[in-house]
Structure formats: C-alpha cells, structure tokens
Amino acid sequence: MTKLTKTPLRNLTPYFCNKNMISIKSENEIQIMRRGGKLLAKILADLAKKTIAGKTPLDLETQAEKLFNQYGAIPAFKGYRGYPNICCISTNHEVVHGIPNSNIFKNGDLVKIDCGLTLEGLNTDAAVSVIVGGEIAGSEKTKLLNQTTKKALNKAIHLVKPGTKLGDIGHIIQQIVETAGLTIIRDLMGHGIGYDVHEDPPIFNFGKKGTGIALKPGMTIAIEPIVCAGERFIKTLENRWTIITKDNSLACQWEHTVLVTNHGHEILTAHDPF
C-alpha cells in the first residue's frame, strides 16, 4: 500500500503513516517476513492469472479472501487506517488504493493489484500490474508504461546493498521513467515496512545520486515506482481512498518488499512469473 506525502495531499485523505525510527530486523524477524513474502507472492500470482476479461475487481477480492484463509495469513490492508478491503485494485487511470468494485475488466485494461500480508505480526507488501488479455491486447502506450515501470523497479532493486543511498534508488527510477517519456507521480512513494505497513524511511521515486540515508543490513523496504503516461497530478475520489490521475491518463504500479543483506539484497516477495 502506497505511502503519500503530507503535502499537497494532507487535505484529501486521512491516510498517512506514523513516523517511526528506521528498524533493523533480527534474523528471526527476517525469517518470518521471508515466509510471509512467499505467501504474498503466491497470492498475487494467482490473482494476476485470474485478471481476465469478464471478471471484476470484486471477483479478485473474493479469491484473495479464499487464499488468505487457505494460507492462514492475515490481510495487512483490511482495516488499516480504515481501508475496507484485502486488496487495492486500480484500473487504467486509477492510480492506487482502488476499492474493489463490480466494473468488468476488458481486454487491454491495465489493472494494478496491490496487497499486503501479515504473518506473526510482521508485514510484507507487493503490487503487480496486469494487461488484461496479455501484451498482445494492450496498446503501445499501455505496454510501454507497464514494461518501463517494471524495469524501473528491477533496476532500483539491483542497486540495493549496504551503503546505497536512497537518492540513488530514486534517481535510477526517475531516469528510466523520464527517458521513456513517462512521468513519475511524485506525491506517491515507497516506504519502510515491518511491524507497521508503513515505517520510515520514505522511498521516493525521484532523487539525486549520493543523497539521503545509506541502507544498512537488516533494513526492509517496499520499493514501488508509480508512473503515468500523462501529467503527474492526482486527486482522491469521494470514497476517500481511490486515487486517479487528474487528466485520466493511464497509471502503473509495481512493488516488492526488499531486504538489505550483508552483501546485497533479497526480494522477499519474489515470484518466478514476475
């Protein structure tokens, strides 16, 4: 679940994280998050496969509930800051925090599925974007947006290791996105994660190399590029959760929970199909 800046959105939504000290996870905590991340990856993989024409966000929500019950895990988002559902499912110009509804998916739609999982008190968070009907069904713009956002995430994760500055992560995401002629939505960002869904530090999707705090072993962070094909300006709908682009341009989101290891990184929410 995406963190928002306090400005200029402070009057638009009650959703903000608490300020916490940056936490370093113990080996036991890492093992729990590793197990939780694998379960979350399985759930997202299943939901992605079921994101097909004729289905609805509510169909995916029902399937998510079934899977959480099957795996004996707790949905991290449901009830968090008052959010009413297990998943955030956002389609086309909906950016993030889409409340599952009965709108029918059509071939070519770009669907973002964002989900969090709590296991033994520790959280993991991940998101995938799916073109309904596959790449062949998407417009050139849709394919570019999806491929670029996923590439930006992967390149950012590749930089994660002890000593990497947060500005390095933001810079590589910004460089990849803007080189492709696309736009970072700057009011939305990644975050630390652990006992709370949102912990410090904020992980911006833009930045300057060599700036910001340095990553340390044991940190767990959710990196999530959030990108649109038009202008970066957004607004929140009357339900106080669903965020859309003001110009109705397509938006995309990819996210993983990542552990900083002694010598590099580990993607805790990795799944082979993604």
C-alpha atoms as a PDB file:
ATOM      1  CA  MET A   1       0.000   0.000   0.000  1.00  0.00           C
ATOM      2  CA  THR A   2       1.460   3.248  -1.187  1.00  0.00           C
ATOM      3  CA  LYS A   3       2.634   5.972   1.135  1.00  0.00           C
ATOM      4  CA  LEU A   4       1.564   9.531   0.321  1.00  0.00           C
ATOM      5  CA  THR A   5       3.351  12.753   1.048  1.00  0.00           C
ATOM      6  CA  LYS A   6       1.799  15.062   3.637  1.00  0.00           C
ATOM      7  CA  THR A   7       1.714  17.847   1.071  1.00  0.00           C
ATOM      8  CA  PRO A   8      -0.125  18.646  -1.093  1.00  0.00           C
ATOM      9  CA  LEU A   9      -2.457  15.761  -0.180  1.00  0.00           C
ATOM     10  CA  ARG A  10      -2.949  16.405   3.521  1.00  0.00           C
ATOM     11  CA  ASN A  11      -6.488  17.706   2.995  1.00  0.00           C
ATOM     12  CA  LEU A  12      -7.512  14.964   0.586  1.00  0.00           C
ATOM     13  CA  THR A  13      -7.117  11.738   2.574  1.00  0.00           C
ATOM     14  CA  PRO A  14      -6.727  10.547   6.170  1.00  0.00           C
ATOM     15  CA  TYR A  15      -4.151   8.020   5.035  1.00  0.00           C
ATOM     16  CA  PHE A  16      -0.651   8.725   6.352  1.00  0.00           C
ATOM     17  CA  CYS A  17       1.886   6.553   8.074  1.00  0.00           C
ATOM     18  CA  ASN A  18       3.167   7.085  11.575  1.00  0.00           C
ATOM     19  CA  LYS A  19       6.689   8.339  11.947  1.00  0.00           C
ATOM     20  CA  ASN A  20       8.873   5.540  13.260  1.00  0.00           C
ATOM     21  CA  MET A  21      12.544   5.030  13.793  1.00  0.00           C
ATOM     22  CA  ILE A  22      14.133   3.035  10.991  1.00  0.00           C
ATOM     23  CA  SER A  23      14.136  -0.546  12.242  1.00  0.00           C
ATOM     24  CA  ILE A  24      16.788  -3.194  11.683  1.00  0.00           C
ATOM     25  CA  LYS A  25      15.229  -6.649  11.600  1.00  0.00           C
ATOM     26  CA  SER A  26      16.621  -9.597  13.549  1.00  0.00           C
ATOM     27  CA  GLU A  27      17.259 -12.945  11.880  1.00  0.00           C
ATOM     28  CA  ASN A  28      14.058 -14.318  13.376  1.00  0.00           C
ATOM     29  CA  GLU A  29      12.042 -11.348  12.098  1.00  0.00           C
ATOM     30  CA  ILE A  30      13.614 -11.760   8.660  1.00  0.00           C
ATOM     31  CA  GLN A  31      12.640 -15.427   8.580  1.00  0.00           C
ATOM     32  CA  ILE A  32       9.033 -14.516   9.356  1.00  0.00           C
ATOM     33  CA  MET A  33       8.965 -11.815   6.667  1.00  0.00           C
ATOM     34  CA  ARG A  34      10.560 -14.246   4.222  1.00  0.00           C
ATOM     35  CA  ARG A  35       7.772 -16.763   4.811  1.00  0.00           C
ATOM     36  CA  GLY A  36       5.124 -14.050   4.618  1.00  0.00           C
ATOM     37  CA  GLY A  37       6.610 -12.661   1.424  1.00  0.00           C
ATOM     38  CA  LYS A  38       6.499 -16.064  -0.274  1.00  0.00           C
ATOM     39  CA  LEU A  39       2.834 -16.463   0.633  1.00  0.00           C
ATOM     40  CA  LEU A  40       2.046 -12.979  -0.657  1.00  0.00           C
ATOM     41  CA  ALA A  41       3.866 -13.723  -3.913  1.00  0.00           C
ATOM     42  CA  LYS A  42       1.746 -16.854  -4.396  1.00  0.00           C
ATOM     43  CA  ILE A  43      -1.443 -14.895  -3.768  1.00  0.00           C
ATOM     44  CA  LEU A  44      -0.512 -12.148  -6.234  1.00  0.00           C
ATOM     45  CA  ALA A  45       0.485 -14.704  -8.874  1.00  0.00           C
ATOM     46  CA  ASP A  46      -2.900 -16.390  -8.545  1.00  0.00           C
ATOM     47  CA  LEU A  47      -4.777 -13.089  -8.695  1.00  0.00           C
ATOM     48  CA  ALA A  48      -2.808 -11.984 -11.753  1.00  0.00           C
ATOM     49  CA  LYS A  49      -3.740 -15.168 -13.611  1.00  0.00           C
ATOM     50  CA  LYS A  50      -7.404 -14.557 -12.813  1.00  0.00           C
ATOM     51  CA  THR A  51      -7.337 -10.965 -14.068  1.00  0.00           C
ATOM     52  CA  ILE A  52      -9.123 -11.707 -17.335  1.00  0.00           C
ATOM     53  CA  ALA A  53     -11.849 -10.150 -19.448  1.00  0.00           C
ATOM     54  CA  GLY A  54     -15.288 -10.643 -17.920  1.00  0.00           C
ATOM     55  CA  LYS A  55     -14.037 -10.755 -14.337  1.00  0.00           C
ATOM     56  CA  THR A  56     -14.250  -7.864 -11.867  1.00  0.00           C
ATOM     57  CA  PRO A  57     -12.159  -6.439  -9.022  1.00  0.00           C
ATOM     58  CA  LEU A  58     -14.694  -7.948  -6.602  1.00  0.00           C
ATOM     59  CA  ASP A  59     -14.014 -11.380  -8.136  1.00  0.00           C
ATOM     60  CA  LEU A  60     -10.316 -10.909  -7.341  1.00  0.00           C
ATOM     61  CA  GLU A  61     -11.137  -9.745  -3.824  1.00  0.00           C
ATOM     62  CA  THR A  62     -13.212 -12.894  -3.248  1.00  0.00           C
ATOM     63  CA  GLN A  63     -10.346 -15.050  -4.494  1.00  0.00           C
ATOM     64  CA  ALA A  64      -7.884 -13.189  -2.276  1.00  0.00           C
ATOM     65  CA  GLU A  65     -10.057 -13.876   0.768  1.00  0.00           C
ATOM     66  CA  LYS A  66     -10.123 -17.567  -0.117  1.00  0.00           C
ATOM     67  CA  LEU A  67      -6.328 -17.685  -0.435  1.00  0.00           C
ATOM     68  CA  PHE A  68      -5.657 -15.816   2.803  1.00  0.00           C
ATOM     69  CA  ASN A  69      -7.893 -18.282   4.612  1.00  0.00           C
ATOM     70  CA  GLN A  70      -6.158 -21.191   2.894  1.00  0.00           C
ATOM     71  CA  TYR A  71      -2.692 -19.985   3.912  1.00  0.00           C
ATOM     72  CA  GLY A  72      -3.719 -18.955   7.417  1.00  0.00           C
ATOM     73  CA  ALA A  73      -2.403 -15.418   6.958  1.00  0.00           C
ATOM     74  CA  ILE A  74      -3.863 -12.024   7.862  1.00  0.00           C
ATOM     75  CA  PRO A  75      -4.612  -9.365   5.213  1.00  0.00           C
ATOM     76  CA  ALA A  76      -2.455  -6.380   6.141  1.00  0.00           C
ATOM     77  CA  PHE A  77      -4.604  -3.783   4.393  1.00  0.00           C
ATOM     78  CA  LYS A  78      -8.080  -4.696   5.628  1.00  0.00           C
ATOM     79  CA  GLY A  79      -8.923  -2.267   8.402  1.00  0.00           C
ATOM     80  CA  TYR A  80      -5.602  -0.432   8.059  1.00  0.00           C
ATOM     81  CA  ARG A  81      -6.378   3.268   8.558  1.00  0.00           C
ATOM     82  CA  GLY A  82      -9.968   2.257   7.829  1.00  0.00           C
ATOM     83  CA  TYR A  83      -9.350   0.664   4.438  1.00  0.00           C
ATOM     84  CA  PRO A  84     -12.276  -1.734   3.856  1.00  0.00           C
ATOM     85  CA  ASN A  85     -10.772  -4.487   1.690  1.00  0.00           C
ATOM     86  CA  ILE A  86      -7.993  -7.061   1.377  1.00  0.00           C
ATOM     87  CA  CYS A  87      -6.626  -5.728  -1.924  1.00  0.00           C
ATOM     88  CA  CYS A  88      -6.295  -2.380  -3.616  1.00  0.00           C
ATOM     89  CA  ILE A  89      -7.340  -2.944  -7.242  1.00  0.00           C
ATOM     90  CA  SER A  90      -6.974   0.039  -9.569  1.00  0.00           C
ATOM     91  CA  THR A  91      -7.799   0.054 -13.298  1.00  0.00           C
ATOM     92  CA  ASN A  92      -6.441   2.287 -16.069  1.00  0.00           C
ATOM     93  CA  HIS A  93      -6.483   5.915 -14.811  1.00  0.00           C
ATOM     94  CA  GLU A  94      -6.992   4.757 -11.223  1.00  0.00           C
ATOM     95  CA  VAL A  95      -3.522   5.024  -9.729  1.00  0.00           C
ATOM     96  CA  VAL A  96      -3.594   3.351  -6.304  1.00  0.00           C
ATOM     97  CA  HIS A  97      -5.929   2.374  -3.445  1.00  0.00           C
ATOM     98  CA  GLY A  98      -8.778   1.359  -5.738  1.00  0.00           C
ATOM     99  CA  ILE A  99     -11.595  -0.189  -3.690  1.00  0.00           C
ATOM    100  CA  PRO A 100     -12.693  -3.428  -5.415  1.00  0.00           C
ATOM    101  CA  ASN A 101     -15.921  -2.902  -7.358  1.00  0.00           C
ATOM    102  CA  SER A 102     -18.120  -4.661  -9.916  1.00  0.00           C
ATOM    103  CA  ASN A 103     -16.696  -2.988 -13.040  1.00  0.00           C
ATOM    104  CA  ILE A 104     -15.950  -5.643 -15.655  1.00  0.00           C
ATOM    105  CA  PHE A 105     -12.398  -5.984 -16.970  1.00  0.00           C
ATOM    106  CA  LYS A 106     -11.973  -5.601 -20.738  1.00  0.00           C
ATOM    107  CA  ASN A 107      -9.089  -6.726 -22.925  1.00  0.00           C
ATOM    108  CA  GLY A 108      -6.430  -4.018 -22.937  1.00  0.00           C
ATOM    109  CA  ASP A 109      -7.232  -2.685 -19.458  1.00  0.00           C
ATOM    110  CA  LEU A 110      -4.241  -2.049 -17.187  1.00  0.00           C
ATOM    111  CA  VAL A 111      -5.044  -3.439 -13.734  1.00  0.00           C
ATOM    112  CA  LYS A 112      -2.919  -2.799 -10.641  1.00  0.00           C
ATOM    113  CA  ILE A 113      -3.217  -5.286  -7.760  1.00  0.00           C
ATOM    114  CA  ASP A 114      -1.632  -4.126  -4.500  1.00  0.00           C
ATOM    115  CA  CYS A 115      -1.782  -6.397  -1.464  1.00  0.00           C
ATOM    116  CA  GLY A 116      -0.197  -6.742   1.967  1.00  0.00           C
ATOM    117  CA  LEU A 117       0.138  -9.749   4.248  1.00  0.00           C
ATOM    118  CA  THR A 118       0.715 -10.006   7.994  1.00  0.00           C
ATOM    119  CA  LEU A 119       2.365 -13.086   9.467  1.00  0.00           C
ATOM    120  CA  GLU A 120       3.185 -13.256  13.174  1.00  0.00           C
ATOM    121  CA  GLY A 121       2.883  -9.504  13.428  1.00  0.00           C
ATOM    122  CA  LEU A 122       5.223  -8.672  10.528  1.00  0.00           C
ATOM    123  CA  ASN A 123       4.105  -7.246   7.186  1.00  0.00           C
ATOM    124  CA  THR A 124       5.091  -7.618   3.566  1.00  0.00           C
ATOM    125  CA  ASP A 125       3.699  -5.549   0.692  1.00  0.00           C
ATOM    126  CA  ALA A 126       3.787  -6.025  -3.084  1.00  0.00           C
ATOM    127  CA  ALA A 127       1.977  -4.967  -6.255  1.00  0.00           C
ATOM    128  CA  VAL A 128       1.752  -6.157  -9.841  1.00  0.00           C
ATOM    129  CA  SER A 129       0.251  -4.631 -12.961  1.00  0.00           C
ATOM    130  CA  VAL A 130      -1.575  -6.811 -15.466  1.00  0.00           C
ATOM    131  CA  ILE A 131      -2.665  -6.049 -19.030  1.00  0.00           C
ATOM    132  CA  VAL A 132      -5.987  -7.859 -19.448  1.00  0.00           C
ATOM    133  CA  GLY A 133      -5.662 -10.241 -22.383  1.00  0.00           C
ATOM    134  CA  GLY A 134      -1.866 -10.088 -22.263  1.00  0.00           C
ATOM    135  CA  GLU A 135       0.654  -7.882 -24.023  1.00  0.00           C
ATOM    136  CA  ILE A 136      -0.990  -8.520 -27.395  1.00  0.00           C
ATOM    137  CA  ALA A 137      -4.202  -6.865 -26.156  1.00  0.00           C
ATOM    138  CA  GLY A 138      -2.562  -3.715 -24.847  1.00  0.00           C
ATOM    139  CA  SER A 139      -1.958  -0.503 -26.750  1.00  0.00           C
ATOM    140  CA  GLU A 140       1.626   0.542 -27.426  1.00  0.00           C
ATOM    141  CA  LYS A 141       1.310   3.156 -24.687  1.00  0.00           C
ATOM    142  CA  THR A 142      -0.015   0.609 -22.199  1.00  0.00           C
ATOM    143  CA  LYS A 143       2.802  -1.828 -22.963  1.00  0.00           C
ATOM    144  CA  LEU A 144       5.457   0.886 -22.703  1.00  0.00           C
ATOM    145  CA  LEU A 145       4.073   2.094 -19.389  1.00  0.00           C
ATOM    146  CA  ASN A 146       3.905  -1.390 -17.880  1.00  0.00           C
ATOM    147  CA  GLN A 147       7.319  -2.506 -19.137  1.00  0.00           C
ATOM    148  CA  THR A 148       9.028   0.726 -18.084  1.00  0.00           C
ATOM    149  CA  THR A 149       7.563   0.735 -14.573  1.00  0.00           C
ATOM    150  CA  LYS A 150       8.590  -2.887 -14.032  1.00  0.00           C
ATOM    151  CA  LYS A 151      12.059  -2.164 -15.431  1.00  0.00           C
ATOM    152  CA  ALA A 152      12.436   0.816 -13.086  1.00  0.00           C
ATOM    153  CA  LEU A 153      11.581  -1.407 -10.112  1.00  0.00           C
ATOM    154  CA  ASN A 154      14.049  -4.094 -11.139  1.00  0.00           C
ATOM    155  CA  LYS A 155      16.870  -1.615 -11.739  1.00  0.00           C
ATOM    156  CA  ALA A 156      16.207   0.058  -8.384  1.00  0.00           C
ATOM    157  CA  ILE A 157      16.273  -3.284  -6.578  1.00  0.00           C
ATOM    158  CA  HIS A 158      19.563  -4.136  -8.289  1.00  0.00           C
ATOM    159  CA  LEU A 159      21.145  -1.133  -6.531  1.00  0.00           C
ATOM    160  CA  VAL A 160      20.053  -2.232  -3.058  1.00  0.00           C
ATOM    161  CA  LYS A 161      23.017  -3.094  -0.841  1.00  0.00           C
ATOM    162  CA  PRO A 162      24.672  -1.678   2.287  1.00  0.00           C
ATOM    163  CA  GLY A 163      25.851   1.865   1.636  1.00  0.00           C
ATOM    164  CA  THR A 164      23.471   2.622  -1.239  1.00  0.00           C
ATOM    165  CA  LYS A 165      21.820   5.999  -0.681  1.00  0.00           C
ATOM    166  CA  LEU A 166      18.082   6.438  -1.016  1.00  0.00           C
ATOM    167  CA  GLY A 167      18.748   9.166  -3.557  1.00  0.00           C
ATOM    168  CA  ASP A 168      20.457   6.553  -5.762  1.00  0.00           C
ATOM    169  CA  ILE A 169      17.254   4.493  -5.807  1.00  0.00           C
ATOM    170  CA  GLY A 170      15.065   7.480  -6.629  1.00  0.00           C
ATOM    171  CA  HIS A 171      17.492   8.664  -9.295  1.00  0.00           C
ATOM    172  CA  ILE A 172      17.559   5.400 -11.260  1.00  0.00           C
ATOM    173  CA  ILE A 173      13.749   5.137 -11.205  1.00  0.00           C
ATOM    174  CA  GLN A 174      13.384   8.725 -12.369  1.00  0.00           C
ATOM    175  CA  GLN A 175      15.999   8.302 -15.098  1.00  0.00           C
ATOM    176  CA  ILE A 176      14.389   5.175 -16.578  1.00  0.00           C
ATOM    177  CA  VAL A 177      10.867   6.590 -16.453  1.00  0.00           C
ATOM    178  CA  GLU A 178      11.647  10.008 -17.880  1.00  0.00           C
ATOM    179  CA  THR A 179      13.924   8.605 -20.598  1.00  0.00           C
ATOM    180  CA  ALA A 180      10.895   6.640 -21.806  1.00  0.00           C
ATOM    181  CA  GLY A 181       8.846   9.845 -21.975  1.00  0.00           C
ATOM    182  CA  LEU A 182       6.702   8.909 -18.985  1.00  0.00           C
ATOM    183  CA  THR A 183       6.044  10.660 -15.666  1.00  0.00           C
ATOM    184  CA  ILE A 184       6.712   9.891 -12.005  1.00  0.00           C
ATOM    185  CA  ILE A 185       3.729  10.600  -9.754  1.00  0.00           C
ATOM    186  CA  ARG A 186       5.747  12.409  -7.106  1.00  0.00           C
ATOM    187  CA  ASP A 187       3.107  12.522  -4.374  1.00  0.00           C
ATOM    188  CA  LEU A 188       3.240   8.715  -4.017  1.00  0.00           C
ATOM    189  CA  MET A 189       6.182   6.683  -2.811  1.00  0.00           C
ATOM    190  CA  GLY A 190       7.533   3.513  -1.264  1.00  0.00           C
ATOM    191  CA  HIS A 191       8.363   3.048   2.412  1.00  0.00           C
ATOM    192  CA  GLY A 192       9.989   1.007   5.095  1.00  0.00           C
ATOM    193  CA  ILE A 193       7.993  -1.976   6.294  1.00  0.00           C
ATOM    194  CA  GLY A 194       7.928  -4.410   9.195  1.00  0.00           C
ATOM    195  CA  TYR A 195       5.736  -4.316  12.286  1.00  0.00           C
ATOM    196  CA  ASP A 196       3.818  -1.486  10.630  1.00  0.00           C
ATOM    197  CA  VAL A 197       2.736  -1.486   6.980  1.00  0.00           C
ATOM    198  CA  HIS A 198       4.430   1.896   6.689  1.00  0.00           C
ATOM    199  CA  GLU A 199       7.664   2.608   8.501  1.00  0.00           C
ATOM    200  CA  ASP A 200      10.476   5.028   7.885  1.00  0.00           C
ATOM    201  CA  PRO A 201      12.223   5.729   5.599  1.00  0.00           C
ATOM    202  CA  PRO A 202      10.095   7.063   2.739  1.00  0.00           C
ATOM    203  CA  ILE A 203      11.383   5.701  -0.590  1.00  0.00           C
ATOM    204  CA  PHE A 204      10.958   8.428  -3.204  1.00  0.00           C
ATOM    205  CA  ASN A 205      10.758   7.561  -6.910  1.00  0.00           C
ATOM    206  CA  PHE A 206      12.924  10.516  -7.863  1.00  0.00           C
ATOM    207  CA  GLY A 207      16.126  11.906  -6.430  1.00  0.00           C
ATOM    208  CA  LYS A 208      19.751  12.871  -6.719  1.00  0.00           C
ATOM    209  CA  LYS A 209      22.607  10.383  -6.612  1.00  0.00           C
ATOM    210  CA  GLY A 210      24.573  10.258  -3.388  1.00  0.00           C
ATOM    211  CA  THR A 211      21.901  11.907  -1.251  1.00  0.00           C
ATOM    212  CA  GLY A 212      19.702  10.614   1.548  1.00  0.00           C
ATOM    213  CA  ILE A 213      20.366   7.989   4.184  1.00  0.00           C
ATOM    214  CA  ALA A 214      22.509   4.947   3.461  1.00  0.00           C
ATOM    215  CA  LEU A 215      20.957   1.485   3.503  1.00  0.00           C
ATOM    216  CA  LYS A 216      22.071  -0.914   6.248  1.00  0.00           C
ATOM    217  CA  PRO A 217      21.848  -4.715   6.586  1.00  0.00           C
ATOM    218  CA  GLY A 218      18.570  -5.775   8.151  1.00  0.00           C
ATOM    219  CA  MET A 219      16.507  -2.920   6.721  1.00  0.00           C
ATOM    220  CA  THR A 220      13.319  -3.971   4.923  1.00  0.00           C
ATOM    221  CA  ILE A 221      11.850  -1.572   2.381  1.00  0.00           C
ATOM    222  CA  ALA A 222       8.982  -1.543  -0.095  1.00  0.00           C
ATOM    223  CA  ILE A 223      10.127  -0.061  -3.397  1.00  0.00           C
ATOM    224  CA  GLU A 224       7.230   0.893  -5.673  1.00  0.00           C
ATOM    225  CA  PRO A 225       7.568   3.032  -8.789  1.00  0.00           C
ATOM    226  CA  ILE A 226       4.238   4.694  -9.598  1.00  0.00           C
ATOM    227  CA  VAL A 227       4.175   6.086 -13.106  1.00  0.00           C
ATOM    228  CA  CYS A 228       1.684   7.639 -15.516  1.00  0.00           C
ATOM    229  CA  ALA A 229       1.535   8.345 -19.225  1.00  0.00           C
ATOM    230  CA  GLY A 230       0.345  11.936 -18.792  1.00  0.00           C
ATOM    231  CA  GLU A 231       0.780  14.654 -16.197  1.00  0.00           C
ATOM    232  CA  ARG A 232       1.707  13.712 -12.621  1.00  0.00           C
ATOM    233  CA  PHE A 233      -1.232  15.433 -10.912  1.00  0.00           C
ATOM    234  CA  ILE A 234      -3.694  13.281  -8.984  1.00  0.00           C
ATOM    235  CA  LYS A 235      -6.892  13.529  -6.979  1.00  0.00           C
ATOM    236  CA  THR A 236      -8.765  11.370  -4.479  1.00  0.00           C
ATOM    237  CA  LEU A 237     -12.343  10.250  -5.147  1.00  0.00           C
ATOM    238  CA  GLU A 238     -15.224  10.765  -2.731  1.00  0.00           C
ATOM    239  CA  ASN A 239     -14.658   7.313  -1.213  1.00  0.00           C
ATOM    240  CA  ARG A 240     -11.508   8.926   0.291  1.00  0.00           C
ATOM    241  CA  TRP A 241      -9.266   6.122  -0.983  1.00  0.00           C
ATOM    242  CA  THR A 242      -9.197   5.681  -4.748  1.00  0.00           C
ATOM    243  CA  ILE A 243      -6.631   7.999  -6.317  1.00  0.00           C
ATOM    244  CA  ILE A 244      -6.850   8.815 -10.029  1.00  0.00           C
ATOM    245  CA  THR A 245      -4.860  10.920 -12.478  1.00  0.00           C
ATOM    246  CA  LYS A 246      -6.457  14.325 -12.989  1.00  0.00           C
ATOM    247  CA  ASP A 247      -6.029  14.087 -16.765  1.00  0.00           C
ATOM    248  CA  ASN A 248      -7.364  10.489 -16.851  1.00  0.00           C
ATOM    249  CA  SER A 249      -4.057   9.217 -18.218  1.00  0.00           C
ATOM    250  CA  LEU A 250      -3.030   5.605 -17.646  1.00  0.00           C
ATOM    251  CA  ALA A 251      -1.109   4.811 -14.463  1.00  0.00           C
ATOM    252  CA  CYS A 252       1.036   1.847 -13.442  1.00  0.00           C
ATOM    253  CA  GLN A 253       2.492   0.401 -10.225  1.00  0.00           C
ATOM    254  CA  TRP A 254       4.957  -2.379  -9.449  1.00  0.00           C
ATOM    255  CA  GLU A 255       6.214  -3.138  -5.938  1.00  0.00           C
ATOM    256  CA  HIS A 256       8.368  -5.565  -3.965  1.00  0.00           C
ATOM    257  CA  THR A 257       9.398  -5.841  -0.329  1.00  0.00           C
ATOM    258  CA  VAL A 258      13.204  -5.999  -0.292  1.00  0.00           C
ATOM    259  CA  LEU A 259      15.656  -6.964   2.448  1.00  0.00           C
ATOM    260  CA  VAL A 260      19.073  -5.331   2.644  1.00  0.00           C
ATOM    261  CA  THR A 261      21.526  -8.185   3.273  1.00  0.00           C
ATOM    262  CA  ASN A 262      25.159  -8.032   4.376  1.00  0.00           C
ATOM    263  CA  HIS A 263      26.364  -8.005   0.786  1.00  0.00           C
ATOM    264  CA  GLY A 264      23.367  -7.072  -1.353  1.00  0.00           C
ATOM    265  CA  HIS A 265      19.644  -7.700  -1.252  1.00  0.00           C
ATOM    266  CA  GLU A 266      16.879 -10.295  -1.226  1.00  0.00           C
ATOM    267  CA  ILE A 267      13.446  -9.805  -2.755  1.00  0.00           C
ATOM    268  CA  LEU A 268      11.124 -11.151  -0.076  1.00  0.00           C
ATOM    269  CA  THR A 269       8.036 -11.030  -2.323  1.00  0.00           C
ATOM    270  CA  ALA A 270       9.622 -12.545  -5.431  1.00  0.00           C
ATOM    271  CA  HIS A 271       7.706 -14.998  -7.588  1.00  0.00           C
ATOM    272  CA  ASP A 272       9.091 -16.551 -10.765  1.00  0.00           C
ATOM    273  CA  PRO A 273       6.317 -15.366 -13.155  1.00  0.00           C
ATOM    274  CA  PHE A 274       7.096 -11.729 -12.273  1.00  0.00           C
END
